[in-house]
Amino acid sequence: MAGSLFDQLKKSGLVNEHKAKQIKKEKYQQSKQLKNKKDVEAENDAAKRVAEAARLKAEKDRLLNLERQQQQAERAKQAELKQILQSNQLKGFGGEITFHFADGKQVKTLQVNPTTHQRLVSGKVRIARLDGAYMLIPDTAVEKVERRDPRILIPFADKDNSISQEEQDYYAKFEIPDDLIW
């Protein structure tokens, strides 16, 4: 039994030369189609990966652009706020009266004149904190500042709610002298 299977089948008469060429041609075409199919699948797979990578890059770029726009809007808002504070700040309020106010957990002081002190007490002037410095602004500018960033403004001292209304009425009998400044 020497030779290939094809030679053995040819000798036995089961296969002729024409039929063998036809089978060989079909086999070649099938392998070629299979190879083309694999190439097309590989190209489709590569195209899908490229499309997915492009989609991910576009999403990443969109998020990065959105973040930049938010940062730019925040910087613009801060610049606008700074400009409002600087253009509306009171000048020449210095004087001999010490005005104490609470900034967070710290008590700060400002030296003010009697007119400014009265306006601070009545709420017609507010204290604003910008870049570690304090400035006084009139109530007309307060509304503009509150719309942009209310954290800049130093809040008024709240009433003590730990004391009942009855006790508050009792203490209301005792007038606080006008010259008492804390």
Protein backbone atom coordinates (compact mmCIF):
# COMPACT_ATOMS: atom_id res chain seq x y z
CA MET A 1 0.00 0.00 0.00
CA ALA A 2 2.19 2.72 -1.23
CA GLY A 3 1.08 6.08 -2.60
CA SER A 4 -1.68 8.44 -1.70
CA LEU A 5 -5.31 7.58 -1.17
CA PHE A 6 -6.13 9.28 -4.45
CA ASP A 7 -3.68 7.02 -6.30
CA GLN A 8 -5.14 3.94 -4.67
CA LEU A 9 -8.72 4.98 -5.55
CA LYS A 10 -7.64 5.72 -9.11
CA LYS A 11 -6.06 2.26 -9.49
CA SER A 12 -9.15 0.56 -8.16
CA GLY A 13 -11.28 2.50 -10.68
CA LEU A 14 -13.48 4.28 -8.18
CA VAL A 15 -12.22 7.75 -9.19
CA ASN A 16 -11.28 9.07 -12.59
CA GLU A 17 -8.95 11.96 -13.44
CA HIS A 18 -11.72 14.45 -14.33
CA LYS A 19 -13.66 13.81 -11.12
CA ALA A 20 -10.47 14.16 -9.05
CA LYS A 21 -9.71 17.59 -10.56
CA GLN A 22 -13.29 18.72 -9.89
CA ILE A 23 -13.15 17.63 -6.23
CA LYS A 24 -9.75 19.29 -5.82
CA LYS A 25 -11.14 22.51 -7.35
CA GLU A 26 -14.20 22.47 -5.02
CA LYS A 27 -11.97 21.89 -2.02
CA TYR A 28 -9.76 24.81 -3.04
CA GLN A 29 -12.81 27.07 -3.51
CA GLN A 30 -14.21 26.08 -0.11
CA SER A 31 -10.93 26.83 1.62
CA LYS A 32 -10.72 30.13 -0.27
CA GLN A 33 -14.30 31.05 0.77
CA LEU A 34 -13.57 30.08 4.36
CA LYS A 35 -10.44 32.21 4.31
CA ASN A 36 -12.37 35.15 2.80
CA LYS A 37 -15.09 34.71 5.40
CA LYS A 38 -12.51 34.79 8.19
CA ASP A 39 -10.90 37.88 6.64
CA VAL A 40 -14.29 39.63 6.41
CA GLU A 41 -15.08 38.68 10.02
CA ALA A 42 -11.68 39.95 11.10
CA GLU A 43 -12.26 43.20 9.20
CA ASN A 44 -15.74 43.55 10.75
CA ASP A 45 -14.31 42.85 14.19
CA ALA A 46 -11.54 45.40 13.64
CA ALA A 47 -14.08 47.94 12.36
CA LYS A 48 -16.22 47.35 15.45
CA ARG A 49 -13.22 47.86 17.72
CA VAL A 50 -12.26 51.05 15.87
CA ALA A 51 -15.85 52.34 16.06
CA GLU A 52 -16.01 51.52 19.80
CA ALA A 53 -12.67 53.26 20.41
CA ALA A 54 -13.89 56.32 18.48
CA ARG A 55 -17.13 56.36 20.48
CA LEU A 56 -15.24 56.12 23.78
CA LYS A 57 -12.86 58.89 22.71
CA ALA A 58 -15.78 61.12 21.68
CA GLU A 59 -17.49 60.51 25.04
CA LYS A 60 -14.26 61.25 26.91
CA ASP A 61 -13.73 64.43 24.87
CA ARG A 62 -17.33 65.50 25.51
CA LEU A 63 -16.95 65.02 29.27
CA LEU A 64 -13.62 66.84 29.28
CA ASN A 65 -15.13 69.71 27.29
CA LEU A 66 -18.08 69.88 29.68
CA GLU A 67 -15.71 69.99 32.65
CA ARG A 68 -13.69 72.79 31.01
CA GLN A 69 -16.88 74.75 30.33
CA GLN A 70 -17.93 74.37 33.97
CA GLN A 71 -14.52 75.52 35.19
CA GLN A 72 -14.61 78.48 32.82
CA ALA A 73 -18.13 79.41 33.98
CA GLU A 74 -16.99 79.18 37.63
CA ARG A 75 -13.98 81.42 36.93
CA ALA A 76 -16.23 83.92 35.13
CA LYS A 77 -18.65 83.90 38.06
CA GLN A 78 -15.83 84.48 40.54
CA ALA A 79 -14.41 87.32 38.42
CA GLU A 80 -17.86 88.91 38.17
CA LEU A 81 -18.34 88.54 41.92
CA LYS A 82 -14.93 90.10 42.62
CA GLN A 83 -15.74 92.99 40.29
CA ILE A 84 -19.11 93.58 42.02
CA LEU A 85 -17.49 93.56 45.46
CA GLN A 86 -14.64 95.86 44.47
CA SER A 87 -16.85 98.36 42.70
CA ASN A 88 -19.43 98.51 45.53
CA GLN A 89 -17.22 98.31 48.60
CA LEU A 90 -17.46 101.13 51.10
CA LYS A 91 -14.38 103.26 51.60
CA GLY A 92 -13.57 105.56 54.47
CA PHE A 93 -15.51 103.63 57.09
CA GLY A 94 -12.61 103.51 59.56
CA GLY A 95 -13.14 105.00 62.98
CA GLU A 96 -12.83 104.54 66.70
CA ILE A 97 -15.68 102.05 67.29
CA THR A 98 -14.76 98.38 67.30
CA PHE A 99 -17.33 96.16 65.56
CA HIS A 100 -17.09 92.45 66.35
CA PHE A 101 -18.46 89.78 64.03
CA ALA A 102 -18.23 86.02 63.82
CA ASP A 103 -16.64 84.42 60.77
CA GLY A 104 -17.24 80.73 61.20
CA LYS A 105 -15.89 79.92 64.64
CA GLN A 106 -13.62 82.94 64.87
CA VAL A 107 -14.52 86.38 66.17
CA LYS A 108 -13.10 89.16 64.03
CA THR A 109 -13.08 92.92 64.56
CA LEU A 110 -13.36 95.98 62.37
CA GLN A 111 -12.73 99.58 63.38
CA VAL A 112 -15.67 101.63 62.06
CA ASN A 113 -17.13 105.10 62.47
CA PRO A 114 -20.49 105.61 64.25
CA THR A 115 -22.49 105.95 61.00
CA THR A 116 -21.10 102.74 59.56
CA HIS A 117 -21.60 100.97 62.88
CA GLN A 118 -25.28 101.97 62.88
CA ARG A 119 -25.67 100.80 59.29
CA LEU A 120 -23.99 97.46 60.16
CA VAL A 121 -26.30 96.93 63.13
CA SER A 122 -29.41 97.80 61.11
CA GLY A 123 -28.39 95.51 58.22
CA LYS A 124 -27.98 98.26 55.61
CA VAL A 125 -24.32 97.31 55.24
CA ARG A 126 -22.98 93.75 55.14
CA ILE A 127 -19.54 92.27 55.54
CA ALA A 128 -18.15 90.17 52.70
CA ARG A 129 -15.06 87.95 52.70
CA LEU A 130 -13.00 87.72 49.52
CA ASP A 131 -9.54 86.17 49.28
CA GLY A 132 -9.04 86.40 53.05
CA ALA A 133 -9.90 90.11 53.23
CA TYR A 134 -13.08 91.65 54.61
CA MET A 135 -14.96 94.47 52.95
CA LEU A 136 -18.17 96.31 53.65
CA ILE A 137 -20.83 96.45 50.93
CA PRO A 138 -24.21 98.22 50.85
CA ASP A 139 -27.46 96.26 50.84
CA THR A 140 -28.00 97.12 47.15
CA ALA A 141 -24.97 95.02 46.22
CA VAL A 142 -25.88 92.25 48.67
CA GLU A 143 -28.65 90.99 46.40
CA LYS A 144 -26.24 90.67 43.46
CA VAL A 145 -23.71 88.83 45.60
CA GLU A 146 -26.31 86.46 47.07
CA ARG A 147 -27.40 85.43 43.56
CA ARG A 148 -23.85 84.49 42.63
CA ASP A 149 -22.35 83.07 45.83
CA PRO A 150 -24.02 83.59 49.22
CA ARG A 151 -21.05 81.97 51.03
CA ILE A 152 -19.05 85.19 50.48
CA LEU A 153 -21.31 87.13 52.84
CA ILE A 154 -20.77 86.93 56.59
CA PRO A 155 -24.17 85.94 58.06
CA PHE A 156 -25.93 88.04 60.64
CA ALA A 157 -25.86 86.78 64.21
CA ASP A 158 -28.86 84.48 64.67
CA LYS A 159 -31.23 84.79 67.58
CA ASP A 160 -30.67 82.31 70.35
CA ASN A 161 -33.47 79.74 70.02
CA SER A 162 -32.40 77.89 73.16
CA ILE A 163 -34.22 80.49 75.25
CA SER A 164 -37.99 80.11 75.42
CA GLN A 165 -40.32 82.88 74.32
CA GLU A 166 -41.32 83.47 77.93
CA GLU A 167 -37.70 84.07 78.95
CA GLN A 168 -37.14 86.32 75.94
CA ASP A 169 -40.14 88.41 76.99
CA TYR A 170 -38.75 88.61 80.52
CA TYR A 171 -35.31 89.80 79.31
CA ALA A 172 -36.94 92.30 76.96
CA LYS A 173 -37.84 94.35 80.06
CA PHE A 174 -34.19 95.19 80.56
CA GLU A 175 -32.96 97.68 78.03
CA ILE A 176 -29.49 97.40 76.63
CA PRO A 177 -27.65 100.70 76.91
CA ASP A 178 -26.92 102.45 73.63
CA ASP A 179 -23.25 102.79 74.44
CA LEU A 180 -22.77 99.03 74.95
CA ILE A 181 -20.71 97.68 72.09
CA TRP A 182 -19.33 94.21 72.10
